[in-house]
Every structure is written in structure tokens, then in C-alpha cells.
mmCIF file of all heavy atoms, coordinates in Angstrom:
data_MODEL
# 
_entry.id   MODEL 
# 
loop_
_atom_site.group_PDB 
_atom_site.id 
_atom_site.type_symbol 
_atom_site.label_atom_id 
_atom_site.label_alt_id 
_atom_site.label_comp_id 
_atom_site.label_asym_id 
_atom_site.label_entity_id 
_atom_site.label_seq_id 
_atom_site.pdbx_PDB_ins_code 
_atom_site.Cartn_x 
_atom_site.Cartn_y 
_atom_site.Cartn_z 
_atom_site.occupancy 
_atom_site.B_iso_or_equiv 
_atom_site.pdbx_formal_charge 
_atom_site.auth_seq_id 
_atom_site.auth_comp_id 
_atom_site.auth_asym_id 
_atom_site.auth_atom_id 
_atom_site.pdbx_PDB_model_num 
ATOM 1   N N   . GLY A 1 1  ? 16.857  31.454 -4.401 1.00 0.00 ? 1  GLY A N   1 
ATOM 2   C CA  . GLY A 1 1  ? 15.865  31.310 -5.387 1.00 0.00 ? 1  GLY A CA  1 
ATOM 3   C C   . GLY A 1 1  ? 14.898  30.155 -5.198 1.00 0.00 ? 1  GLY A C   1 
ATOM 4   O O   . GLY A 1 1  ? 13.971  30.185 -4.402 1.00 0.00 ? 1  GLY A O   1 
ATOM 5   N N   . LEU A 1 2  ? 15.101  29.044 -6.010 1.00 0.00 ? 2  LEU A N   1 
ATOM 6   C CA  . LEU A 1 2  ? 14.200  27.936 -6.013 1.00 0.00 ? 2  LEU A CA  1 
ATOM 7   C C   . LEU A 1 2  ? 13.902  27.327 -4.626 1.00 0.00 ? 2  LEU A C   1 
ATOM 8   O O   . LEU A 1 2  ? 12.770  26.889 -4.417 1.00 0.00 ? 2  LEU A O   1 
ATOM 9   C CB  . LEU A 1 2  ? 14.730  26.861 -6.950 1.00 0.00 ? 2  LEU A CB  1 
ATOM 10  C CG  . LEU A 1 2  ? 13.797  25.667 -7.212 1.00 0.00 ? 2  LEU A CG  1 
ATOM 11  C CD1 . LEU A 1 2  ? 12.454  26.135 -7.749 1.00 0.00 ? 2  LEU A CD1 1 
ATOM 12  C CD2 . LEU A 1 2  ? 14.478  24.677 -8.143 1.00 0.00 ? 2  LEU A CD2 1 
ATOM 13  N N   . PRO A 1 3  ? 14.836  27.223 -3.667 1.00 0.00 ? 3  PRO A N   1 
ATOM 14  C CA  . PRO A 1 3  ? 14.485  26.617 -2.415 1.00 0.00 ? 3  PRO A CA  1 
ATOM 15  C C   . PRO A 1 3  ? 13.309  27.310 -1.762 1.00 0.00 ? 3  PRO A C   1 
ATOM 16  O O   . PRO A 1 3  ? 12.468  26.629 -1.144 1.00 0.00 ? 3  PRO A O   1 
ATOM 17  C CB  . PRO A 1 3  ? 15.747  26.805 -1.589 1.00 0.00 ? 3  PRO A CB  1 
ATOM 18  C CG  . PRO A 1 3  ? 16.856  26.782 -2.592 1.00 0.00 ? 3  PRO A CG  1 
ATOM 19  C CD  . PRO A 1 3  ? 16.294  27.453 -3.779 1.00 0.00 ? 3  PRO A CD  1 
ATOM 20  N N   . GLU A 1 4  ? 13.251  28.627 -1.837 1.00 0.00 ? 4  GLU A N   1 
ATOM 21  C CA  . GLU A 1 4  ? 12.128  29.352 -1.201 1.00 0.00 ? 4  GLU A CA  1 
ATOM 22  C C   . GLU A 1 4  ? 10.792  28.943 -1.865 1.00 0.00 ? 4  GLU A C   1 
ATOM 23  O O   . GLU A 1 4  ? 9.755   28.865 -1.208 1.00 0.00 ? 4  GLU A O   1 
ATOM 24  C CB  . GLU A 1 4  ? 12.344  30.862 -1.348 1.00 0.00 ? 4  GLU A CB  1 
ATOM 25  C CG  . GLU A 1 4  ? 13.324  31.408 -0.317 1.00 0.00 ? 4  GLU A CG  1 
ATOM 26  C CD  . GLU A 1 4  ? 14.754  31.164 -0.652 1.00 0.00 ? 4  GLU A CD  1 
ATOM 27  O OE1 . GLU A 1 4  ? 15.034  30.593 -1.715 1.00 0.00 ? 4  GLU A OE1 1 
ATOM 28  O OE2 . GLU A 1 4  ? 15.604  31.554 0.180  1.00 0.00 ? 4  GLU A OE2 1 
ATOM 29  N N   . LEU A 1 5  ? 10.852  28.618 -3.161 1.00 0.00 ? 5  LEU A N   1 
ATOM 30  C CA  . LEU A 1 5  ? 9.652   28.196 -3.826 1.00 0.00 ? 5  LEU A CA  1 
ATOM 31  C C   . LEU A 1 5  ? 9.140   26.831 -3.321 1.00 0.00 ? 5  LEU A C   1 
ATOM 32  O O   . LEU A 1 5  ? 8.003   26.469 -3.491 1.00 0.00 ? 5  LEU A O   1 
ATOM 33  C CB  . LEU A 1 5  ? 9.846   28.155 -5.335 1.00 0.00 ? 5  LEU A CB  1 
ATOM 34  C CG  . LEU A 1 5  ? 10.240  29.505 -5.980 1.00 0.00 ? 5  LEU A CG  1 
ATOM 35  C CD1 . LEU A 1 5  ? 10.449  29.325 -7.461 1.00 0.00 ? 5  LEU A CD1 1 
ATOM 36  C CD2 . LEU A 1 5  ? 9.153   30.524 -5.739 1.00 0.00 ? 5  LEU A CD2 1 
ATOM 37  N N   . LEU A 1 6  ? 10.050  26.061 -2.804 1.00 0.00 ? 6  LEU A N   1 
ATOM 38  C CA  . LEU A 1 6  ? 9.758   24.675 -2.347 1.00 0.00 ? 6  LEU A CA  1 
ATOM 39  C C   . LEU A 1 6  ? 9.505   24.645 -0.805 1.00 0.00 ? 6  LEU A C   1 
ATOM 40  O O   . LEU A 1 6  ? 9.487   23.563 -0.225 1.00 0.00 ? 6  LEU A O   1 
ATOM 41  C CB  . LEU A 1 6  ? 10.869  23.724 -2.722 1.00 0.00 ? 6  LEU A CB  1 
ATOM 42  C CG  . LEU A 1 6  ? 11.180  23.620 -4.233 1.00 0.00 ? 6  LEU A CG  1 
ATOM 43  C CD1 . LEU A 1 6  ? 12.377  22.718 -4.476 1.00 0.00 ? 6  LEU A CD1 1 
ATOM 44  C CD2 . LEU A 1 6  ? 9.968   23.066 -4.939 1.00 0.00 ? 6  LEU A CD2 1 
ATOM 45  N N   . GLY A 1 7  ? 9.334   25.775 -0.198 1.00 0.00 ? 7  GLY A N   1 
ATOM 46  C CA  . GLY A 1 7  ? 9.033   25.821 1.219  1.00 0.00 ? 7  GLY A CA  1 
ATOM 47  C C   . GLY A 1 7  ? 10.145  26.376 2.085  1.00 0.00 ? 7  GLY A C   1 
ATOM 48  O O   . GLY A 1 7  ? 10.157  26.230 3.268  1.00 0.00 ? 7  GLY A O   1 
ATOM 49  N N   . GLY A 1 8  ? 11.121  27.003 1.403  1.00 0.00 ? 8  GLY A N   1 
ATOM 50  C CA  . GLY A 1 8  ? 12.263  27.497 2.178  1.00 0.00 ? 8  GLY A CA  1 
ATOM 51  C C   . GLY A 1 8  ? 13.367  26.509 2.169  1.00 0.00 ? 8  GLY A C   1 
ATOM 52  O O   . GLY A 1 8  ? 13.449  25.651 1.329  1.00 0.00 ? 8  GLY A O   1 
ATOM 53  N N   . PHE A 1 9  ? 14.266  26.598 3.130  1.00 0.00 ? 9  PHE A N   1 
ATOM 54  C CA  . PHE A 1 9  ? 15.427  25.680 3.199  1.00 0.00 ? 9  PHE A CA  1 
ATOM 55  C C   . PHE A 1 9  ? 15.025  24.345 3.840  1.00 0.00 ? 9  PHE A C   1 
ATOM 56  O O   . PHE A 1 9  ? 15.776  23.392 3.745  1.00 0.00 ? 9  PHE A O   1 
ATOM 57  C CB  . PHE A 1 9  ? 16.561  26.347 3.868  1.00 0.00 ? 9  PHE A CB  1 
ATOM 58  C CG  . PHE A 1 9  ? 17.221  27.397 2.975  1.00 0.00 ? 9  PHE A CG  1 
ATOM 59  C CD1 . PHE A 1 9  ? 16.711  28.679 2.881  1.00 0.00 ? 9  PHE A CD1 1 
ATOM 60  C CD2 . PHE A 1 9  ? 18.277  27.089 2.200  1.00 0.00 ? 9  PHE A CD2 1 
ATOM 61  C CE1 . PHE A 1 9  ? 17.211  29.601 2.029  1.00 0.00 ? 9  PHE A CE1 1 
ATOM 62  C CE2 . PHE A 1 9  ? 18.808  27.993 1.310  1.00 0.00 ? 9  PHE A CE2 1 
ATOM 63  C CZ  . PHE A 1 9  ? 18.302  29.295 1.254  1.00 0.00 ? 9  PHE A CZ  1 
ATOM 64  N N   . GLU A 1 10 ? 13.846  24.306 4.472  1.00 0.00 ? 10 GLU A N   1 
ATOM 65  C CA  . GLU A 1 10 ? 13.272  23.024 4.806  1.00 0.00 ? 10 GLU A CA  1 
ATOM 66  C C   . GLU A 1 10 ? 12.245  22.734 3.743  1.00 0.00 ? 10 GLU A C   1 
ATOM 67  O O   . GLU A 1 10 ? 11.363  23.542 3.457  1.00 0.00 ? 10 GLU A O   1 
ATOM 68  C CB  . GLU A 1 10 ? 12.573  23.113 6.195  1.00 0.00 ? 10 GLU A CB  1 
ATOM 69  C CG  . GLU A 1 10 ? 11.889  21.850 6.576  1.00 0.00 ? 10 GLU A CG  1 
ATOM 70  C CD  . GLU A 1 10 ? 11.104  21.902 7.892  1.00 0.00 ? 10 GLU A CD  1 
ATOM 71  O OE1 . GLU A 1 10 ? 11.044  23.019 8.456  1.00 0.00 ? 10 GLU A OE1 1 
ATOM 72  O OE2 . GLU A 1 10 ? 10.564  20.883 8.312  1.00 0.00 ? 10 GLU A OE2 1 
ATOM 73  N N   . PHE A 1 11 ? 12.307  21.514 3.179  1.00 0.00 ? 11 PHE A N   1 
ATOM 74  C CA  . PHE A 1 11 ? 11.374  21.161 2.130  1.00 0.00 ? 11 PHE A CA  1 
ATOM 75  C C   . PHE A 1 11 ? 10.003  20.882 2.661  1.00 0.00 ? 11 PHE A C   1 
ATOM 76  O O   . PHE A 1 11 ? 9.821   20.048 3.521  1.00 0.00 ? 11 PHE A O   1 
ATOM 77  C CB  . PHE A 1 11 ? 11.932  19.904 1.405  1.00 0.00 ? 11 PHE A CB  1 
ATOM 78  C CG  . PHE A 1 11 ? 11.100  19.526 0.184  1.00 0.00 ? 11 PHE A CG  1 
ATOM 79  C CD1 . PHE A 1 11 ? 11.340  20.102 -1.042 1.00 0.00 ? 11 PHE A CD1 1 
ATOM 80  C CD2 . PHE A 1 11 ? 10.097  18.577 0.285  1.00 0.00 ? 11 PHE A CD2 1 
ATOM 81  C CE1 . PHE A 1 11 ? 10.594  19.776 -2.148 1.00 0.00 ? 11 PHE A CE1 1 
ATOM 82  C CE2 . PHE A 1 11 ? 9.331   18.228 -0.830 1.00 0.00 ? 11 PHE A CE2 1 
ATOM 83  C CZ  . PHE A 1 11 ? 9.578   18.790 -2.046 1.00 0.00 ? 11 PHE A CZ  1 
ATOM 84  N N   . LEU A 1 12 ? 9.010   21.655 2.154  1.00 0.00 ? 12 LEU A N   1 
ATOM 85  C CA  . LEU A 1 12 ? 7.622   21.505 2.583  1.00 0.00 ? 12 LEU A CA  1 
ATOM 86  C C   . LEU A 1 12 ? 7.463   21.318 4.063  1.00 0.00 ? 12 LEU A C   1 
ATOM 87  O O   . LEU A 1 12 ? 7.092   20.237 4.512  1.00 0.00 ? 12 LEU A O   1 
ATOM 88  C CB  . LEU A 1 12 ? 7.002   20.333 1.829  1.00 0.00 ? 12 LEU A CB  1 
ATOM 89  C CG  . LEU A 1 12 ? 6.949   20.417 0.294  1.00 0.00 ? 12 LEU A CG  1 
ATOM 90  C CD1 . LEU A 1 12 ? 6.336   19.146 -0.236 1.00 0.00 ? 12 LEU A CD1 1 
ATOM 91  C CD2 . LEU A 1 12 ? 6.190   21.660 -0.142 1.00 0.00 ? 12 LEU A CD2 1 
ATOM 92  N N   . PRO A 1 13 ? 7.726   22.380 4.839  1.00 0.00 ? 13 PRO A N   1 
ATOM 93  C CA  . PRO A 1 13 ? 7.634   22.211 6.321  1.00 0.00 ? 13 PRO A CA  1 
ATOM 94  C C   . PRO A 1 13 ? 6.266   21.674 6.777  1.00 0.00 ? 13 PRO A C   1 
ATOM 95  O O   . PRO A 1 13 ? 5.253   21.918 6.134  1.00 0.00 ? 13 PRO A O   1 
ATOM 96  C CB  . PRO A 1 13 ? 7.816   23.651 6.780  1.00 0.00 ? 13 PRO A CB  1 
ATOM 97  C CG  . PRO A 1 13 ? 8.551   24.355 5.692  1.00 0.00 ? 13 PRO A CG  1 
ATOM 98  C CD  . PRO A 1 13 ? 8.022   23.726 4.430  1.00 0.00 ? 13 PRO A CD  1 
ATOM 99  N N   . GLU A 1 14 ? 6.319   20.946 7.876  1.00 0.00 ? 14 GLU A N   1 
ATOM 100 C CA  . GLU A 1 14 ? 5.065   20.441 8.448  1.00 0.00 ? 14 GLU A CA  1 
ATOM 101 C C   . GLU A 1 14 ? 4.129   21.547 8.826  1.00 0.00 ? 14 GLU A C   1 
ATOM 102 O O   . GLU A 1 14 ? 4.569   22.615 9.280  1.00 0.00 ? 14 GLU A O   1 
ATOM 103 C CB  . GLU A 1 14 ? 5.333   19.528 9.648  1.00 0.00 ? 14 GLU A CB  1 
ATOM 104 C CG  . GLU A 1 14 ? 6.053   18.253 9.331  1.00 0.00 ? 14 GLU A CG  1 
ATOM 105 C CD  . GLU A 1 14 ? 6.193   17.418 10.586 1.00 0.00 ? 14 GLU A CD  1 
ATOM 106 O OE1 . GLU A 1 14 ? 5.199   16.866 11.050 1.00 0.00 ? 14 GLU A OE1 1 
ATOM 107 O OE2 . GLU A 1 14 ? 7.314   17.307 11.123 1.00 0.00 ? 14 GLU A OE2 1 
ATOM 108 N N   . SER A 1 15 ? 2.835   21.318 8.706  1.00 0.00 ? 15 SER A N   1 
ATOM 109 C CA  . SER A 1 15 ? 1.869   22.361 9.070  1.00 0.00 ? 15 SER A CA  1 
ATOM 110 C C   . SER A 1 15 ? 0.581   21.658 9.502  1.00 0.00 ? 15 SER A C   1 
ATOM 111 O O   . SER A 1 15 ? 0.480   20.443 9.562  1.00 0.00 ? 15 SER A O   1 
ATOM 112 C CB  . SER A 1 15 ? 1.584   23.229 7.849  1.00 0.00 ? 15 SER A CB  1 
ATOM 113 O OG  . SER A 1 15 ? 0.777   22.514 6.899  1.00 0.00 ? 15 SER A OG  1 
ATOM 114 N N   . ALA A 1 16 ? -0.353  22.478 9.876  1.00 0.00 ? 16 ALA A N   1 
ATOM 115 C CA  . ALA A 1 16 ? -1.647  21.935 10.288 1.00 0.00 ? 16 ALA A CA  1 
ATOM 116 C C   . ALA A 1 16 ? -2.389  21.202 9.161  1.00 0.00 ? 16 ALA A C   1 
ATOM 117 O O   . ALA A 1 16 ? -3.353  20.521 9.404  1.00 0.00 ? 16 ALA A O   1 
ATOM 118 C CB  . ALA A 1 16 ? -2.526  23.076 10.799 1.00 0.00 ? 16 ALA A CB  1 
ATOM 119 N N   . LEU A 1 17 ? -1.874  21.372 7.924  1.00 0.00 ? 17 LEU A N   1 
ATOM 120 C CA  . LEU A 1 17 ? -2.569  20.689 6.829  1.00 0.00 ? 17 LEU A CA  1 
ATOM 121 C C   . LEU A 1 17 ? -2.312  19.187 6.789  1.00 0.00 ? 17 LEU A C   1 
ATOM 122 O O   . LEU A 1 17 ? -3.081  18.421 6.201  1.00 0.00 ? 17 LEU A O   1 
ATOM 123 C CB  . LEU A 1 17 ? -2.026  21.281 5.468  1.00 0.00 ? 17 LEU A CB  1 
ATOM 124 C CG  . LEU A 1 17 ? -2.510  22.681 5.137  1.00 0.00 ? 17 LEU A CG  1 
ATOM 125 C CD1 . LEU A 1 17 ? -1.900  23.137 3.796  1.00 0.00 ? 17 LEU A CD1 1 
ATOM 126 C CD2 . LEU A 1 17 ? -4.021  22.733 5.048  1.00 0.00 ? 17 LEU A CD2 1 
ATOM 127 N N   . ALA A 1 18 ? -1.190  18.756 7.449  1.00 0.00 ? 18 ALA A N   1 
ATOM 128 C CA  . ALA A 1 18 ? -0.845  17.357 7.380  1.00 0.00 ? 18 ALA A CA  1 
ATOM 129 C C   . ALA A 1 18 ? -1.976  16.428 7.945  1.00 0.00 ? 18 ALA A C   1 
ATOM 130 O O   . ALA A 1 18 ? -2.380  15.509 7.292  1.00 0.00 ? 18 ALA A O   1 
ATOM 131 C CB  . ALA A 1 18 ? 0.450   17.093 8.123  1.00 0.00 ? 18 ALA A CB  1 
ATOM 132 N N   . PRO A 1 19 ? -2.444  16.722 9.188  1.00 0.00 ? 19 PRO A N   1 
ATOM 133 C CA  . PRO A 1 19 ? -3.567  15.901 9.684  1.00 0.00 ? 19 PRO A CA  1 
ATOM 134 C C   . PRO A 1 19 ? -4.824  15.960 8.768  1.00 0.00 ? 19 PRO A C   1 
ATOM 135 O O   . PRO A 1 19 ? -5.513  14.977 8.605  1.00 0.00 ? 19 PRO A O   1 
ATOM 136 C CB  . PRO A 1 19 ? -3.858  16.476 11.048 1.00 0.00 ? 19 PRO A CB  1 
ATOM 137 C CG  . PRO A 1 19 ? -2.585  17.219 11.426 1.00 0.00 ? 19 PRO A CG  1 
ATOM 138 C CD  . PRO A 1 19 ? -2.034  17.754 10.153 1.00 0.00 ? 19 PRO A CD  1 
ATOM 139 N N   . LEU A 1 20 ? -5.048  17.166 8.185  1.00 0.00 ? 20 LEU A N   1 
ATOM 140 C CA  . LEU A 1 20 ? -6.263  17.339 7.335  1.00 0.00 ? 20 LEU A CA  1 
ATOM 141 C C   . LEU A 1 20 ? -6.089  16.456 6.094  1.00 0.00 ? 20 LEU A C   1 
ATOM 142 O O   . LEU A 1 20 ? -7.021  15.703 5.730  1.00 0.00 ? 20 LEU A O   1 
ATOM 143 C CB  . LEU A 1 20 ? -6.413  18.783 6.938  1.00 0.00 ? 20 LEU A CB  1 
ATOM 144 C CG  . LEU A 1 20 ? -7.537  19.093 5.971  1.00 0.00 ? 20 LEU A CG  1 
ATOM 145 C CD1 . LEU A 1 20 ? -8.886  18.795 6.648  1.00 0.00 ? 20 LEU A CD1 1 
ATOM 146 C CD2 . LEU A 1 20 ? -7.472  20.547 5.476  1.00 0.00 ? 20 LEU A CD2 1 
ATOM 147 N N   . ILE A 1 21 ? -4.966  16.470 5.484  1.00 0.00 ? 21 ILE A N   1 
ATOM 148 C CA  . ILE A 1 21 ? -4.724  15.700 4.294  1.00 0.00 ? 21 ILE A CA  1 
ATOM 149 C C   . ILE A 1 21 ? -4.819  14.219 4.604  1.00 0.00 ? 21 ILE A C   1 
ATOM 150 O O   . ILE A 1 21 ? -5.484  13.426 3.913  1.00 0.00 ? 21 ILE A O   1 
ATOM 151 C CB  . ILE A 1 21 ? -3.369  16.008 3.644  1.00 0.00 ? 21 ILE A CB  1 
ATOM 152 C CG1 . ILE A 1 21 ? -3.394  17.458 3.151  1.00 0.00 ? 21 ILE A CG1 1 
ATOM 153 C CG2 . ILE A 1 21 ? -3.029  15.069 2.505  1.00 0.00 ? 21 ILE A CG2 1 
ATOM 154 C CD1 . ILE A 1 21 ? -2.045  17.951 2.661  1.00 0.00 ? 21 ILE A CD1 1 
ATOM 155 N N   . GLY A 1 22 ? -4.127  13.792 5.680  1.00 0.00 ? 22 GLY A N   1 
ATOM 156 C CA  . GLY A 1 22 ? -4.067  12.427 6.028  1.00 0.00 ? 22 GLY A CA  1 
ATOM 157 C C   . GLY A 1 22 ? -5.386  11.888 6.488  1.00 0.00 ? 22 GLY A C   1 
ATOM 158 O O   . GLY A 1 22 ? -5.845  10.812 6.169  1.00 0.00 ? 22 GLY A O   1 
ATOM 159 N N   . GLY A 1 23 ? -6.086  12.694 7.339  1.00 0.00 ? 23 GLY A N   1 
ATOM 160 C CA  . GLY A 1 23 ? -7.297  12.194 7.952  1.00 0.00 ? 23 GLY A CA  1 
ATOM 161 C C   . GLY A 1 23 ? -8.531  12.352 7.112  1.00 0.00 ? 23 GLY A C   1 
ATOM 162 O O   . GLY A 1 23 ? -9.509  11.545 7.322  1.00 0.00 ? 23 GLY A O   1 
ATOM 163 N N   . LEU A 1 24 ? -8.598  13.325 6.247  1.00 0.00 ? 24 LEU A N   1 
ATOM 164 C CA  . LEU A 1 24 ? -9.808  13.554 5.510  1.00 0.00 ? 24 LEU A CA  1 
ATOM 165 C C   . LEU A 1 24 ? -9.681  13.202 4.055  1.00 0.00 ? 24 LEU A C   1 
ATOM 166 O O   . LEU A 1 24 ? -10.411 12.372 3.557  1.00 0.00 ? 24 LEU A O   1 
ATOM 167 C CB  . LEU A 1 24 ? -10.232 15.017 5.694  1.00 0.00 ? 24 LEU A CB  1 
ATOM 168 C CG  . LEU A 1 24 ? -10.475 15.452 7.113  1.00 0.00 ? 24 LEU A CG  1 
ATOM 169 C CD1 . LEU A 1 24 ? -10.770 16.975 7.190  1.00 0.00 ? 24 LEU A CD1 1 
ATOM 170 C CD2 . LEU A 1 24 ? -11.647 14.683 7.760  1.00 0.00 ? 24 LEU A CD2 1 
ATOM 171 N N   . LEU A 1 25 ? -8.723  13.815 3.347  1.00 0.00 ? 25 LEU A N   1 
ATOM 172 C CA  . LEU A 1 25 ? -8.607  13.608 1.893  1.00 0.00 ? 25 LEU A CA  1 
ATOM 173 C C   . LEU A 1 25 ? -8.199  12.220 1.585  1.00 0.00 ? 25 LEU A C   1 
ATOM 174 O O   . LEU A 1 25 ? -8.497  11.692 0.489  1.00 0.00 ? 25 LEU A O   1 
ATOM 175 C CB  . LEU A 1 25 ? -7.653  14.625 1.357  1.00 0.00 ? 25 LEU A CB  1 
ATOM 176 C CG  . LEU A 1 25 ? -8.022  16.102 1.509  1.00 0.00 ? 25 LEU A CG  1 
ATOM 177 C CD1 . LEU A 1 25 ? -7.006  16.988 0.809  1.00 0.00 ? 25 LEU A CD1 1 
ATOM 178 C CD2 . LEU A 1 25 ? -9.417  16.381 1.014  1.00 0.00 ? 25 LEU A CD2 1 
ATOM 179 N N   . CYS A 1 26 ? -7.444  11.524 2.467  1.00 0.00 ? 26 CYS A N   1 
ATOM 180 C CA  . CYS A 1 26 ? -6.896  10.197 2.159  1.00 0.00 ? 26 CYS A CA  1 
ATOM 181 C C   . CYS A 1 26 ? -7.722  9.113  2.830  1.00 0.00 ? 26 CYS A C   1 
ATOM 182 O O   . CYS A 1 26 ? -7.360  7.943  2.760  1.00 0.00 ? 26 CYS A O   1 
ATOM 183 C CB  . CYS A 1 26 ? -5.460  10.070 2.619  1.00 0.00 ? 26 CYS A CB  1 
ATOM 184 S SG  . CYS A 1 26 ? -4.355  11.213 1.773  1.00 0.00 ? 26 CYS A SG  1 
ATOM 185 N N   . ASN A 1 27 ? -8.810  9.454  3.453  1.00 0.00 ? 27 ASN A N   1 
ATOM 186 C CA  . ASN A 1 27 ? -9.670  8.456  4.042  1.00 0.00 ? 27 ASN A CA  1 
ATOM 187 C C   . ASN A 1 27 ? -10.298 7.569  2.956  1.00 0.00 ? 27 ASN A C   1 
ATOM 188 O O   . ASN A 1 27 ? -10.829 8.092  1.990  1.00 0.00 ? 27 ASN A O   1 
ATOM 189 C CB  . ASN A 1 27 ? -10.764 9.137  4.896  1.00 0.00 ? 27 ASN A CB  1 
ATOM 190 C CG  . ASN A 1 27 ? -11.508 8.168  5.782  1.00 0.00 ? 27 ASN A CG  1 
ATOM 191 O OD1 . ASN A 1 27 ? -11.992 7.148  5.298  1.00 0.00 ? 27 ASN A OD1 1 
ATOM 192 N ND2 . ASN A 1 27 ? -11.572 8.536  7.047  1.00 0.00 ? 27 ASN A ND2 1 
ATOM 193 N N   . LYS A 1 28 ? -10.240 6.256  3.142  1.00 0.00 ? 28 LYS A N   1 
ATOM 194 C CA  . LYS A 1 28 ? -10.683 5.367  2.099  1.00 0.00 ? 28 LYS A CA  1 
ATOM 195 C C   . LYS A 1 28 ? -12.184 5.486  1.884  1.00 0.00 ? 28 LYS A C   1 
ATOM 196 O O   . LYS A 1 28 ? -12.649 4.983  0.839  1.00 0.00 ? 28 LYS A O   1 
ATOM 197 C CB  . LYS A 1 28 ? -10.327 3.923  2.445  1.00 0.00 ? 28 LYS A CB  1 
ATOM 198 C CG  . LYS A 1 28 ? -11.109 3.358  3.631  1.00 0.00 ? 28 LYS A CG  1 
ATOM 199 C CD  . LYS A 1 28 ? -10.799 1.842  3.776  1.00 0.00 ? 28 LYS A CD  1 
ATOM 200 C CE  . LYS A 1 28 ? -11.630 1.245  4.932  1.00 0.00 ? 28 LYS A CE  1 
ATOM 201 N NZ  . LYS A 1 28 ? -11.420 -0.232 5.022  1.00 0.00 ? 28 LYS A NZ  1 
ATOM 202 N N   . ARG A 1 29 ? -12.904 6.065  2.763  1.00 0.00 ? 29 ARG A N   1 
ATOM 203 C CA  . ARG A 1 29 ? -14.342 6.174  2.617  1.00 0.00 ? 29 ARG A CA  1 
ATOM 204 C C   . ARG A 1 29 ? -14.758 7.415  1.796  1.00 0.00 ? 29 ARG A C   1 
ATOM 205 O O   . ARG A 1 29 ? -15.945 7.598  1.499  1.00 0.00 ? 29 ARG A O   1 
ATOM 206 C CB  . ARG A 1 29 ? -15.003 6.276  3.996  1.00 0.00 ? 29 ARG A CB  1 
ATOM 207 C CG  . ARG A 1 29 ? -14.897 4.990  4.774  1.00 0.00 ? 29 ARG A CG  1 
ATOM 208 C CD  . ARG A 1 29 ? -15.414 5.137  6.187  1.00 0.00 ? 29 ARG A CD  1 
ATOM 209 N NE  . ARG A 1 29 ? -14.569 6.002  6.956  1.00 0.00 ? 29 ARG A NE  1 
ATOM 210 C CZ  . ARG A 1 29 ? -14.698 6.185  8.270  1.00 0.00 ? 29 ARG A CZ  1 
ATOM 211 N NH1 . ARG A 1 29 ? -15.601 5.615  8.944  1.00 0.00 ? 29 ARG A NH1 1 
ATOM 212 N NH2 . ARG A 1 29 ? -13.892 7.000  8.923  1.00 0.00 ? 29 ARG A NH2 1 
# 
């Protein structure tokens, strides 16, 4: 049940979104 809602049995698996979030959305500028 709930584990699948949280990304499966690995919590929030890494994806191509990580560099996007870190590099763009979190940029101090």
C-alpha cells in the first residue's frame, strides 16, 4: 500500500529531477 505511494520500496528514488531542482529551483539568484 502506502510504500508505493512514497516511491515504492525505495523512498523517492533519484531521478533526472534532482539536478533540475538543485540547480535551477534552488539557485539563490
